[in-house]
PDB file of N, CA and C in Angstrom:
ATOM      1  N   UNK A   1     121.404  99.361  94.062  1.00  0.00           N
ATOM      2  CA  UNK A   1     122.011  99.550  95.361  1.00  0.00           C
ATOM      3  C   UNK A   1     120.979  99.204  96.426  1.00  0.00           C
ATOM      4  N   UNK A   2     121.369  98.459  97.428  1.00  0.00           N
ATOM      5  CA  UNK A   2     120.448  98.056  98.488  1.00  0.00           C
ATOM      6  C   UNK A   2     120.571  98.975  99.697  1.00  0.00           C
ATOM      7  N   UNK A   3     119.681  98.754 100.637  1.00  0.00           N
ATOM      8  CA  UNK A   3     119.625  99.565 101.853  1.00  0.00           C
ATOM      9  C   UNK A   3     120.967  99.598 102.572  1.00  0.00           C
ATOM     10  N   UNK A   4     121.611  98.443 102.718  1.00  0.00           N
ATOM     11  CA  UNK A   4     122.852  98.373 103.487  1.00  0.00           C
ATOM     12  C   UNK A   4     124.029  99.042 102.787  1.00  0.00           C
ATOM     13  N   UNK A   5     123.916  99.241 101.477  1.00  0.00           N
ATOM     14  CA  UNK A   5     124.994  99.893 100.741  1.00  0.00           C
ATOM     15  C   UNK A   5     124.918 101.415 100.813  1.00  0.00           C
ATOM     16  N   UNK A   6     123.852 101.942 101.379  1.00  0.00           N
ATOM     17  CA  UNK A   6     123.718 103.388 101.522  1.00  0.00           C
ATOM     18  C   UNK A   6     124.746 103.878 102.540  1.00  0.00           C
ATOM     19  N   UNK A   7     125.462 104.920 102.207  1.00  0.00           N
ATOM     20  CA  UNK A   7     126.584 105.381 103.031  1.00  0.00           C
ATOM     21  C   UNK A   7     126.168 106.242 104.222  1.00  0.00           C
ATOM     22  N   UNK A   8     125.162 107.076 104.041  1.00  0.00           N
ATOM     23  CA  UNK A   8     124.799 108.006 105.106  1.00  0.00           C
ATOM     24  C   UNK A   8     123.392 107.704 105.634  1.00  0.00           C
ATOM     25  N   UNK A   9     123.120 108.174 106.828  1.00  0.00           N
ATOM     26  CA  UNK A   9     121.793 107.990 107.420  1.00  0.00           C
ATOM     27  C   UNK A   9     120.730 108.690 106.573  1.00  0.00           C
ATOM     28  N   UNK A  10     121.080 109.841 106.039  1.00  0.00           N
ATOM     29  CA  UNK A  10     120.142 110.590 105.201  1.00  0.00           C
ATOM     30  C   UNK A  10     119.797 109.789 103.939  1.00  0.00           C
ATOM     31  N   UNK A  11     120.801 109.165 103.352  1.00  0.00           N
ATOM     32  CA  UNK A  11     120.590 108.361 102.152  1.00  0.00           C
ATOM     33  C   UNK A  11     119.738 107.140 102.459  1.00  0.00           C
ATOM     34  N   UNK A  12     119.984 106.496 103.605  1.00  0.00           N
ATOM     35  CA  UNK A  12     119.185 105.335 104.000  1.00  0.00           C
ATOM     36  C   UNK A  12     117.742 105.746 104.271  1.00  0.00           C
ATOM     37  N   UNK A  13     117.547 106.893 104.904  1.00  0.00           N
ATOM     38  CA  UNK A  13     116.194 107.381 105.184  1.00  0.00           C
ATOM     39  C   UNK A  13     115.435 107.647 103.883  1.00  0.00           C
ATOM     40  N   UNK A  14     116.101 108.253 102.918  1.00  0.00           N
ATOM     41  CA  UNK A  14     115.486 108.529 101.621  1.00  0.00           C
ATOM     42  C   UNK A  14     115.068 107.213 100.947  1.00  0.00           C
ATOM     43  N   UNK A  15     115.946 106.206 101.006  1.00  0.00           N
ATOM     44  CA  UNK A  15     115.657 104.898 100.430  1.00  0.00           C
ATOM     45  C   UNK A  15     114.398 104.310 101.071  1.00  0.00           C
ATOM     46  N   UNK A  16     114.282 104.397 102.383  1.00  0.00           N
ATOM     47  CA  UNK A  16     113.123 103.840 103.089  1.00  0.00           C
ATOM     48  C   UNK A  16     111.841 104.597 102.744  1.00  0.00           C
ATOM     49  N   UNK A  17     111.949 105.898 102.575  1.00  0.00           N
ATOM     50  CA  UNK A  17     110.784 106.697 102.181  1.00  0.00           C
ATOM     51  C   UNK A  17     110.282 106.246 100.809  1.00  0.00           C
ATOM     52  N   UNK A  18     111.220 106.040  99.882  1.00  0.00           N
ATOM     53  CA  UNK A  18     110.836 105.560  98.548  1.00  0.00           C
ATOM     54  C   UNK A  18     110.209 104.165  98.634  1.00  0.00           C
ATOM     55  N   UNK A  19     110.786 103.307  99.461  1.00  0.00           N
ATOM     56  CA  UNK A  19     110.267 101.949  99.604  1.00  0.00           C
ATOM     57  C   UNK A  19     108.849 101.961 100.170  1.00  0.00           C
ATOM     58  N   UNK A  20     108.608 102.824 101.164  1.00  0.00           N
ATOM     59  CA  UNK A  20     107.263 102.912 101.753  1.00  0.00           C
ATOM     60  C   UNK A  20     106.267 103.447 100.717  1.00  0.00           C
ATOM     61  N   UNK A  21     106.696 104.397  99.913  1.00  0.00           N
ATOM     62  CA  UNK A  21     105.845 104.906  98.836  1.00  0.00           C
ATOM     63  C   UNK A  21     105.519 103.829  97.817  1.00  0.00           C
ATOM     64  N   UNK A  22     106.509 102.989  97.516  1.00  0.00           N
ATOM     65  CA  UNK A  22     106.281 101.886  96.579  1.00  0.00           C
ATOM     66  C   UNK A  22     105.276 100.892  97.133  1.00  0.00           C
ATOM     67  N   UNK A  23     105.287 100.668  98.430  1.00  0.00           N
ATOM     68  CA  UNK A  23     104.282  99.792  99.055  1.00  0.00           C
ATOM     69  C   UNK A  23     102.884 100.380  98.863  1.00  0.00           C
ATOM     70  N   UNK A  24     102.781 101.678  99.021  1.00  0.00           N
ATOM     71  CA  UNK A  24     101.489 102.336  98.812  1.00  0.00           C
ATOM     72  C   UNK A  24     101.007 102.198  97.382  1.00  0.00           C
ATOM     73  N   UNK A  25     101.920 102.336  96.428  1.00  0.00           N
ATOM     74  CA  UNK A  25     101.559 102.168  95.021  1.00  0.00           C
ATOM     75  C   UNK A  25     101.116 100.735  94.749  1.00  0.00           C
ATOM     76  N   UNK A  26     101.840  99.767  95.306  1.00  0.00           N
ATOM     77  CA  UNK A  26     101.480  98.365  95.130  1.00  0.00           C
ATOM     78  C   UNK A  26     100.092  98.100  95.688  1.00  0.00           C
ATOM     79  N   UNK A  27      99.816  98.643  96.846  1.00  0.00           N
ATOM     80  CA  UNK A  27      98.506  98.470  97.463  1.00  0.00           C
ATOM     81  C   UNK A  27      97.399  98.972  96.535  1.00  0.00           C
ATOM     82  N   UNK A  28      97.611 100.131  95.950  1.00  0.00           N
ATOM     83  CA  UNK A  28      96.637 100.685  95.010  1.00  0.00           C
ATOM     84  C   UNK A  28      96.438  99.766  93.815  1.00  0.00           C
ATOM     85  N   UNK A  29      97.527  99.244  93.278  1.00  0.00           N
ATOM     86  CA  UNK A  29      97.439  98.364  92.111  1.00  0.00           C
ATOM     87  C   UNK A  29      96.729  97.051  92.453  1.00  0.00           C
ATOM     88  N   UNK A  30      96.933  96.557  93.656  1.00  0.00           N
ATOM     89  CA  UNK A  30      96.237  95.337  94.067  1.00  0.00           C
ATOM     90  C   UNK A  30      94.735  95.596  94.130  1.00  0.00           C
ATOM     91  N   UNK A  31      94.333  96.714  94.738  1.00  0.00           N
ATOM     92  CA  UNK A  31      92.908  97.042  94.809  1.00  0.00           C
ATOM     93  C   UNK A  31      92.309  97.161  93.410  1.00  0.00           C
ATOM     94  N   UNK A  32      93.016  97.825  92.514  1.00  0.00           N
ATOM     95  CA  UNK A  32      92.531  97.982  91.142  1.00  0.00           C
ATOM     96  C   UNK A  32      92.430  96.620  90.457  1.00  0.00           C
ATOM     97  N   UNK A  33      93.453  95.775  90.658  1.00  0.00           N
ATOM     98  CA  UNK A  33      93.439  94.446  90.053  1.00  0.00           C
ATOM     99  C   UNK A  33      92.274  93.595  90.522  1.00  0.00           C
ATOM    100  N   UNK A  34      91.924  93.716  91.803  1.00  0.00           N
ATOM    101  CA  UNK A  34      90.775  92.979  92.336  1.00  0.00           C
ATOM    102  C   UNK A  34      89.487  93.496  91.704  1.00  0.00           C
ATOM    103  N   UNK A  35      89.334  94.812  91.693  1.00  0.00           N
ATOM    104  CA  UNK A  35      88.118  95.419  91.137  1.00  0.00           C
ATOM    105  C   UNK A  35      87.949  95.113  89.650  1.00  0.00           C
ATOM    106  N   UNK A  36      89.064  95.055  88.927  1.00  0.00           N
ATOM    107  CA  UNK A  36      89.003  94.792  87.487  1.00  0.00           C
ATOM    108  C   UNK A  36      88.865  93.301  87.181  1.00  0.00           C
ATOM    109  N   UNK A  37      88.994  92.464  88.202  1.00  0.00           N
ATOM    110  CA  UNK A  37      88.844  91.034  88.003  1.00  0.00           C
ATOM    111  C   UNK A  37      90.117  90.322  87.570  1.00  0.00           C
ATOM    112  N   UNK A  38      91.260  91.011  87.620  1.00  0.00           N
ATOM    113  CA  UNK A  38      92.525  90.388  87.240  1.00  0.00           C
ATOM    114  C   UNK A  38      93.144  89.593  88.394  1.00  0.00           C
ATOM    115  N   UNK A  39      92.767  89.947  89.613  1.00  0.00           N
ATOM    116  CA  UNK A  39      93.292  89.271  90.799  1.00  0.00           C
ATOM    117  C   UNK A  39      92.109  88.696  91.563  1.00  0.00           C
ATOM    118  N   UNK A  40      92.186  87.413  91.910  1.00  0.00           N
ATOM    119  CA  UNK A  40      91.126  86.804  92.705  1.00  0.00           C
ATOM    120  C   UNK A  40      91.068  87.491  94.059  1.00  0.00           C
ATOM    121  N   UNK A  41      89.858  87.682  94.557  1.00  0.00           N
ATOM    122  CA  UNK A  41      89.670  88.465  95.779  1.00  0.00           C
ATOM    123  C   UNK A  41      90.439  87.888  96.967  1.00  0.00           C
ATOM    124  N   UNK A  42      90.407  86.568  97.166  1.00  0.00           N
ATOM    125  CA  UNK A  42      91.092  85.985  98.317  1.00  0.00           C
ATOM    126  C   UNK A  42      92.607  86.139  98.207  1.00  0.00           C
ATOM    127  N   UNK A  43      93.143  85.992  97.011  1.00  0.00           N
ATOM    128  CA  UNK A  43      94.582  86.192  96.793  1.00  0.00           C
ATOM    129  C   UNK A  43      94.929  87.658  97.021  1.00  0.00           C
ATOM    130  N   UNK A  44      94.111  88.548  96.476  1.00  0.00           N
ATOM    131  CA  UNK A  44      94.333  89.977  96.643  1.00  0.00           C
ATOM    132  C   UNK A  44      94.318  90.398  98.095  1.00  0.00           C
ATOM    133  N   UNK A  45      93.410  89.839  98.876  1.00  0.00           N
ATOM    134  CA  UNK A  45      93.329  90.176 100.294  1.00  0.00           C
ATOM    135  C   UNK A  45      94.589  89.742 101.037  1.00  0.00           C
ATOM    136  N   UNK A  46      95.146  88.582 100.652  1.00  0.00           N
ATOM    137  CA  UNK A  46      96.412  88.146 101.255  1.00  0.00           C
ATOM    138  C   UNK A  46      97.534  89.115 100.902  1.00  0.00           C
ATOM    139  N   UNK A  47      97.585  89.523  99.642  1.00  0.00           N
ATOM    140  CA  UNK A  47      98.623  90.459  99.197  1.00  0.00           C
ATOM    141  C   UNK A  47      98.483  91.801  99.893  1.00  0.00           C
ATOM    142  N   UNK A  48      97.246  92.243 100.074  1.00  0.00           N
ATOM    143  CA  UNK A  48      97.002  93.511 100.771  1.00  0.00           C
ATOM    144  C   UNK A  48      97.535  93.435 102.194  1.00  0.00           C
ATOM    145  N   UNK A  49      97.229  92.336 102.881  1.00  0.00           N
ATOM    146  CA  UNK A  49      97.706  92.177 104.260  1.00  0.00           C
ATOM    147  C   UNK A  49      99.234  92.158 104.306  1.00  0.00           C
ATOM    148  N   UNK A  50      99.855  91.423 103.393  1.00  0.00           N
ATOM    149  CA  UNK A  50     101.317  91.343 103.356  1.00  0.00           C
ATOM    150  C   UNK A  50     101.936  92.714 103.059  1.00  0.00           C
ATOM    151  N   UNK A  51     101.326  93.442 102.143  1.00  0.00           N
ATOM    152  CA  UNK A  51     101.840  94.770 101.786  1.00  0.00           C
ATOM    153  C   UNK A  51     101.730  95.725 102.970  1.00  0.00           C
ATOM    154  N   UNK A  52     100.627  95.656 103.695  1.00  0.00           N
ATOM    155  CA  UNK A  52     100.465  96.506 104.877  1.00  0.00           C
ATOM    156  C   UNK A  52     101.496  96.158 105.941  1.00  0.00           C
ATOM    157  N   UNK A  53     101.771  94.867 106.118  1.00  0.00           N
ATOM    158  CA  UNK A  53     102.785  94.451 107.094  1.00  0.00           C
ATOM    159  C   UNK A  53     104.173  94.939 106.691  1.00  0.00           C
ATOM    160  N   UNK A  54     104.482  94.834 105.403  1.00  0.00           N
ATOM    161  CA  UNK A  54     105.775  95.332 104.921  1.00  0.00           C
ATOM    162  C   UNK A  54     105.907  96.831 105.134  1.00  0.00           C
ATOM    163  N   UNK A  55     104.824  97.552 104.877  1.00  0.00           N
ATOM    164  CA  UNK A  55     104.838  98.997 105.072  1.00  0.00           C
ATOM    165  C   UNK A  55     105.112  99.348 106.535  1.00  0.00           C
ATOM    166  N   UNK A  56     104.506  98.598 107.452  1.00  0.00           N
ATOM    167  CA  UNK A  56     104.751  98.819 108.880  1.00  0.00           C
ATOM    168  C   UNK A  56     106.205  98.526 109.245  1.00  0.00           C
ATOM    169  N   UNK A  57     106.753  97.470 108.647  1.00  0.00           N
ATOM    170  CA  UNK A  57     108.162  97.133 108.906  1.00  0.00           C
ATOM    171  C   UNK A  57     109.096  98.234 108.419  1.00  0.00           C
ATOM    172  N   UNK A  58     108.808  98.746 107.241  1.00  0.00           N
ATOM    173  CA  UNK A  58     109.621  99.834 106.688  1.00  0.00           C
ATOM    174  C   UNK A  58     109.518 101.062 107.587  1.00  0.00           C
ATOM    175  N   UNK A  59     108.309 101.357 108.034  1.00  0.00           N
ATOM    176  CA  UNK A  59     108.122 102.494 108.948  1.00  0.00           C
ATOM    177  C   UNK A  59     108.960 102.301 110.208  1.00  0.00           C
ATOM    178  N   UNK A  60     108.946 101.069 110.728  1.00  0.00           N
ATOM    179  CA  UNK A  60     109.743 100.767 111.915  1.00  0.00           C
ATOM    180  C   UNK A  60     111.238 100.989 111.692  1.00  0.00           C
ATOM    181  N   UNK A  61     111.708 100.660 110.509  1.00  0.00           N
ATOM    182  CA  UNK A  61     113.126 100.884 110.188  1.00  0.00           C
ATOM    183  C   UNK A  61     113.481 102.366 110.145  1.00  0.00           C
ATOM    184  N   UNK A  62     112.512 103.198 109.781  1.00  0.00           N
ATOM    185  CA  UNK A  62     112.788 104.636 109.706  1.00  0.00           C
ATOM    186  C   UNK A  62     112.908 105.251 111.098  1.00  0.00           C
ATOM    187  N   UNK A  63     112.343 104.600 112.094  1.00  0.00           N
ATOM    188  CA  UNK A  63     112.397 105.124 113.460  1.00  0.00           C
ATOM    189  C   UNK A  63     113.636 104.681 114.115  1.00  0.00           C
TER     190      UNK A  63
END
């Protein structure tokens, strides 16, 4: 089920909270991947920036 299929404001807010949490988890995994050598540092830095931007967008949707 996607964001737009959520019926109530409360349900949509819950969905966005989960999505923002998932961004945080992804960010952690990217940092770990860089440190472990599985992700090239320059690629990882791009992903980190994109993940932070997505997190800000999700936060904006919650407001």
